[in-house]
Amino acid sequence: MHILAAVRTGLLETPVPTPTVKPEDVTPGPYGFLIVALLAVVVVLLAIDMLRRIRRVKYRAEVQEMLDAEEAAASESDAGADGAPAADAEPNETGPTDPR
């Protein structure tokens, strides 16, 4: 019986902690919100710029492949029926070319 009385009184009395810090001092406030909002805008703009640059590199690679295929087709057509390259055919370049 003694245990039941202790449990009953323990359930009735719940301690409530007193706050030691003012809630206004620990919230970010308007300056914190502005900084977070500014960071979010900057991240979105950087993502858009990154996607644009990746797309540009992809298109340049596709154009370079098309130009290489055209050069290969032109060099094959310049080669005579005997398979020897024509005298006025330019040798293939060994380095990468920039389509700018």
N, C-alpha and C. Protein backbone atom coordinates (compact mmCIF):
# COMPACT_ATOMS: atom_id res chain seq x y z
N MET A 1 0.80 -1.18 0.00
CA MET A 1 0.00 0.00 0.00
C MET A 1 0.85 1.26 0.00
N HIS A 2 1.94 1.18 0.70
CA HIS A 2 2.83 2.32 0.79
C HIS A 2 3.38 2.70 -0.60
N ILE A 3 3.65 1.71 -1.44
CA ILE A 3 4.19 1.96 -2.79
C ILE A 3 3.15 2.65 -3.66
N LEU A 4 1.90 2.24 -3.55
CA LEU A 4 0.83 2.86 -4.33
C LEU A 4 0.64 4.32 -3.95
N ALA A 5 0.79 4.65 -2.71
CA ALA A 5 0.64 6.04 -2.26
C ALA A 5 1.79 6.88 -2.81
N ALA A 6 2.98 6.32 -2.86
CA ALA A 6 4.14 7.06 -3.39
C ALA A 6 4.00 7.29 -4.89
N VAL A 7 3.51 6.28 -5.59
CA VAL A 7 3.32 6.43 -7.03
C VAL A 7 2.24 7.45 -7.31
N ARG A 8 1.16 7.42 -6.55
CA ARG A 8 0.07 8.36 -6.75
C ARG A 8 0.52 9.80 -6.50
N THR A 9 1.26 10.05 -5.47
CA THR A 9 1.74 11.41 -5.20
C THR A 9 2.80 11.83 -6.21
N GLY A 10 3.58 10.87 -6.72
CA GLY A 10 4.58 11.19 -7.73
C GLY A 10 3.96 11.58 -9.06
N LEU A 11 2.83 11.00 -9.37
CA LEU A 11 2.16 11.33 -10.61
C LEU A 11 1.46 12.68 -10.54
N LEU A 12 1.06 13.05 -9.36
CA LEU A 12 0.36 14.31 -9.22
C LEU A 12 1.31 15.50 -9.23
N GLU A 13 2.47 15.33 -8.69
CA GLU A 13 3.42 16.44 -8.59
C GLU A 13 4.48 16.31 -9.68
N THR A 14 4.33 17.05 -10.75
CA THR A 14 5.35 17.04 -11.81
C THR A 14 6.09 18.36 -11.75
N PRO A 15 7.38 18.29 -11.63
CA PRO A 15 8.15 19.54 -11.55
C PRO A 15 8.17 20.26 -12.91
N VAL A 16 8.07 21.55 -12.87
CA VAL A 16 8.12 22.37 -14.08
C VAL A 16 9.40 23.21 -14.02
N PRO A 17 10.28 23.03 -14.99
CA PRO A 17 11.52 23.81 -14.94
C PRO A 17 11.26 25.28 -15.27
N THR A 18 12.01 26.12 -14.60
CA THR A 18 11.88 27.55 -14.87
C THR A 18 12.88 27.94 -15.96
N PRO A 19 12.46 28.72 -16.94
CA PRO A 19 13.40 29.10 -18.00
C PRO A 19 14.46 30.05 -17.45
N THR A 20 15.70 29.83 -17.86
CA THR A 20 16.81 30.67 -17.40
C THR A 20 17.27 31.65 -18.47
N VAL A 21 16.81 31.43 -19.70
CA VAL A 21 17.21 32.30 -20.81
C VAL A 21 15.94 32.85 -21.45
N LYS A 22 15.99 34.12 -21.85
CA LYS A 22 14.85 34.71 -22.52
C LYS A 22 14.70 34.09 -23.93
N PRO A 23 13.52 33.71 -24.35
CA PRO A 23 13.33 33.12 -25.69
C PRO A 23 13.73 34.06 -26.82
N GLU A 24 13.65 35.35 -26.61
CA GLU A 24 14.04 36.31 -27.65
C GLU A 24 15.54 36.30 -27.93
N ASP A 25 16.32 35.87 -26.92
CA ASP A 25 17.77 35.86 -27.08
C ASP A 25 18.27 34.65 -27.86
N VAL A 26 17.50 33.58 -27.94
CA VAL A 26 17.97 32.37 -28.59
C VAL A 26 17.32 32.13 -29.96
N THR A 27 16.41 32.97 -30.39
CA THR A 27 15.81 32.83 -31.71
C THR A 27 16.62 33.61 -32.72
N PRO A 28 16.62 33.19 -34.01
CA PRO A 28 17.44 33.87 -35.00
C PRO A 28 16.96 35.28 -35.31
N GLY A 29 15.69 35.53 -35.21
CA GLY A 29 15.18 36.86 -35.47
C GLY A 29 15.18 37.19 -36.96
N PRO A 30 14.91 38.45 -37.28
CA PRO A 30 14.80 38.84 -38.70
C PRO A 30 16.15 38.78 -39.44
N TYR A 31 17.23 39.06 -38.74
CA TYR A 31 18.54 39.01 -39.41
C TYR A 31 18.91 37.57 -39.80
N GLY A 32 18.63 36.64 -38.92
CA GLY A 32 18.87 35.23 -39.24
C GLY A 32 18.03 34.77 -40.40
N PHE A 33 16.77 35.19 -40.43
CA PHE A 33 15.90 34.82 -41.55
C PHE A 33 16.43 35.40 -42.86
N LEU A 34 16.85 36.65 -42.84
CA LEU A 34 17.37 37.27 -44.07
C LEU A 34 18.63 36.56 -44.56
N ILE A 35 19.49 36.17 -43.65
CA ILE A 35 20.72 35.48 -44.05
C ILE A 35 20.40 34.11 -44.66
N VAL A 36 19.49 33.37 -44.05
CA VAL A 36 19.10 32.06 -44.58
C VAL A 36 18.41 32.22 -45.94
N ALA A 37 17.53 33.20 -46.07
CA ALA A 37 16.85 33.44 -47.34
C ALA A 37 17.85 33.83 -48.42
N LEU A 38 18.82 34.66 -48.08
CA LEU A 38 19.84 35.06 -49.05
C LEU A 38 20.68 33.86 -49.48
N LEU A 39 21.05 33.02 -48.54
CA LEU A 39 21.80 31.81 -48.89
C LEU A 39 20.99 30.89 -49.80
N ALA A 40 19.70 30.77 -49.56
CA ALA A 40 18.85 29.93 -50.41
C ALA A 40 18.79 30.49 -51.83
N VAL A 41 18.66 31.79 -51.96
CA VAL A 41 18.63 32.41 -53.29
C VAL A 41 19.96 32.20 -54.00
N VAL A 42 21.07 32.36 -53.30
CA VAL A 42 22.39 32.17 -53.91
C VAL A 42 22.57 30.73 -54.36
N VAL A 43 22.13 29.77 -53.57
CA VAL A 43 22.27 28.36 -53.95
C VAL A 43 21.44 28.06 -55.19
N VAL A 44 20.23 28.60 -55.28
CA VAL A 44 19.38 28.38 -56.46
C VAL A 44 20.04 29.00 -57.69
N LEU A 45 20.57 30.20 -57.57
CA LEU A 45 21.23 30.85 -58.72
C LEU A 45 22.48 30.08 -59.15
N LEU A 46 23.24 29.58 -58.19
CA LEU A 46 24.42 28.78 -58.54
C LEU A 46 24.03 27.47 -59.23
N ALA A 47 22.95 26.86 -58.81
CA ALA A 47 22.49 25.62 -59.44
C ALA A 47 22.05 25.89 -60.88
N ILE A 48 21.34 26.99 -61.11
CA ILE A 48 20.92 27.34 -62.46
C ILE A 48 22.13 27.60 -63.34
N ASP A 49 23.12 28.32 -62.84
CA ASP A 49 24.32 28.60 -63.61
C ASP A 49 25.10 27.31 -63.91
N MET A 50 25.18 26.42 -62.93
CA MET A 50 25.89 25.16 -63.14
C MET A 50 25.21 24.32 -64.23
N LEU A 51 23.88 24.24 -64.18
CA LEU A 51 23.15 23.49 -65.19
C LEU A 51 23.35 24.08 -66.58
N ARG A 52 23.37 25.40 -66.67
CA ARG A 52 23.60 26.07 -67.96
C ARG A 52 24.99 25.74 -68.50
N ARG A 53 25.98 25.75 -67.64
CA ARG A 53 27.34 25.45 -68.08
C ARG A 53 27.49 23.98 -68.50
N ILE A 54 26.86 23.08 -67.75
CA ILE A 54 26.92 21.66 -68.10
C ILE A 54 26.25 21.43 -69.46
N ARG A 55 25.11 22.08 -69.68
CA ARG A 55 24.41 21.94 -70.95
C ARG A 55 25.26 22.48 -72.10
N ARG A 56 25.95 23.59 -71.87
CA ARG A 56 26.80 24.17 -72.90
C ARG A 56 27.95 23.22 -73.26
N VAL A 57 28.56 22.61 -72.26
CA VAL A 57 29.66 21.66 -72.52
C VAL A 57 29.14 20.46 -73.30
N LYS A 58 27.95 20.00 -72.94
CA LYS A 58 27.35 18.85 -73.63
C LYS A 58 27.11 19.18 -75.10
N TYR A 59 26.55 20.36 -75.38
CA TYR A 59 26.29 20.75 -76.77
C TYR A 59 27.59 20.91 -77.55
N ARG A 60 28.60 21.46 -76.91
CA ARG A 60 29.89 21.60 -77.61
C ARG A 60 30.48 20.25 -77.95
N ALA A 61 30.34 19.28 -77.05
CA ALA A 61 30.85 17.94 -77.32
C ALA A 61 30.09 17.31 -78.49
N GLU A 62 28.77 17.52 -78.53
CA GLU A 62 27.98 16.97 -79.65
C GLU A 62 28.39 17.60 -80.97
N VAL A 63 28.61 18.91 -80.98
CA VAL A 63 29.03 19.60 -82.20
C VAL A 63 30.41 19.11 -82.62
N GLN A 64 31.29 18.92 -81.65
CA GLN A 64 32.64 18.42 -81.97
C GLN A 64 32.57 17.03 -82.58
N GLU A 65 31.72 16.16 -82.05
CA GLU A 65 31.56 14.83 -82.62
C GLU A 65 31.02 14.90 -84.05
N MET A 66 30.07 15.80 -84.29
CA MET A 66 29.53 15.94 -85.64
C MET A 66 30.60 16.43 -86.61
N LEU A 67 31.42 17.39 -86.17
CA LEU A 67 32.49 17.90 -87.03
C LEU A 67 33.52 16.81 -87.31
N ASP A 68 33.86 16.02 -86.30
CA ASP A 68 34.81 14.93 -86.50
C ASP A 68 34.25 13.90 -87.48
N ALA A 69 32.96 13.60 -87.36
CA ALA A 69 32.34 12.64 -88.28
C ALA A 69 32.34 13.18 -89.70
N GLU A 70 32.07 14.48 -89.86
CA GLU A 70 32.09 15.09 -91.19
C GLU A 70 33.49 15.06 -91.78
N GLU A 71 34.50 15.35 -90.96
CA GLU A 71 35.88 15.30 -91.45
C GLU A 71 36.27 13.89 -91.85
N ALA A 72 35.85 12.91 -91.06
CA ALA A 72 36.17 11.52 -91.39
C ALA A 72 35.48 11.11 -92.69
N ALA A 73 34.23 11.54 -92.88
CA ALA A 73 33.52 11.21 -94.12
C ALA A 73 34.16 11.92 -95.30
N ALA A 74 34.59 13.15 -95.11
CA ALA A 74 35.22 13.89 -96.19
C ALA A 74 36.57 13.26 -96.55
N SER A 75 37.32 12.81 -95.57
CA SER A 75 38.62 12.21 -95.88
C SER A 75 38.44 10.86 -96.57
N GLU A 76 37.37 10.13 -96.22
CA GLU A 76 37.09 8.87 -96.90
C GLU A 76 36.65 9.11 -98.33
N SER A 77 35.89 10.16 -98.56
CA SER A 77 35.43 10.44 -99.93
C SER A 77 36.58 11.00 -100.77
N ASP A 78 37.54 11.68 -100.14
CA ASP A 78 38.69 12.20 -100.87
C ASP A 78 39.64 11.08 -101.26
N ALA A 79 39.61 10.00 -100.51
CA ALA A 79 40.49 8.88 -100.85
C ALA A 79 40.00 8.29 -102.18
N GLY A 80 40.92 7.96 -102.99
CA GLY A 80 40.57 7.43 -104.32
C GLY A 80 39.98 6.05 -104.22
N ALA A 81 39.60 5.51 -105.34
CA ALA A 81 39.03 4.18 -105.39
C ALA A 81 40.05 3.13 -104.98
N ASP A 82 41.35 3.45 -105.14
CA ASP A 82 42.39 2.49 -104.75
C ASP A 82 42.71 2.53 -103.26
N GLY A 83 42.08 3.47 -102.51
CA GLY A 83 42.29 3.53 -101.07
C GLY A 83 43.43 4.44 -100.67
N ALA A 84 44.14 5.03 -101.62
CA ALA A 84 45.22 5.95 -101.29
C ALA A 84 44.64 7.34 -101.06
N PRO A 85 45.14 8.07 -100.11
CA PRO A 85 44.61 9.42 -99.88
C PRO A 85 44.97 10.34 -101.04
N ALA A 86 44.08 11.30 -101.28
CA ALA A 86 44.33 12.24 -102.36
C ALA A 86 45.51 13.12 -102.02
N ALA A 87 46.15 13.69 -103.05
CA ALA A 87 47.35 14.49 -102.84
C ALA A 87 47.04 15.79 -102.11
N ASP A 88 45.85 16.34 -102.31
CA ASP A 88 45.52 17.61 -101.67
C ASP A 88 44.81 17.42 -100.33
N ALA A 89 44.65 16.21 -99.85
CA ALA A 89 44.00 15.95 -98.56
C ALA A 89 44.91 16.37 -97.42
N GLU A 90 44.32 17.03 -96.44
CA GLU A 90 45.09 17.48 -95.27
C GLU A 90 45.23 16.32 -94.29
N PRO A 91 46.38 16.20 -93.63
CA PRO A 91 46.52 15.14 -92.62
C PRO A 91 45.62 15.44 -91.43
N ASN A 92 45.18 14.40 -90.74
CA ASN A 92 44.33 14.57 -89.56
C ASN A 92 45.12 15.25 -88.45
N GLU A 93 44.45 16.14 -87.75
CA GLU A 93 45.09 16.80 -86.63
C GLU A 93 45.12 15.82 -85.45
N THR A 94 46.20 15.88 -84.68
CA THR A 94 46.31 14.98 -83.54
C THR A 94 45.77 15.58 -82.26
N GLY A 95 45.69 16.89 -82.16
CA GLY A 95 45.24 17.54 -80.94
C GLY A 95 43.76 17.87 -80.99
N PRO A 96 43.18 18.19 -79.83
CA PRO A 96 41.76 18.55 -79.80
C PRO A 96 41.54 19.90 -80.46
N THR A 97 40.41 20.07 -81.06
CA THR A 97 40.09 21.34 -81.70
C THR A 97 38.97 22.01 -80.93
N ASP A 98 38.97 23.31 -80.95
CA ASP A 98 37.95 24.10 -80.25
C ASP A 98 37.00 24.68 -81.29
N PRO A 99 35.70 24.40 -81.22
CA PRO A 99 34.79 24.87 -82.27
C PRO A 99 34.39 26.32 -82.15
N ARG A 100 35.10 27.10 -81.40
CA ARG A 100 34.74 28.52 -81.25
C ARG A 100 35.01 29.24 -82.49
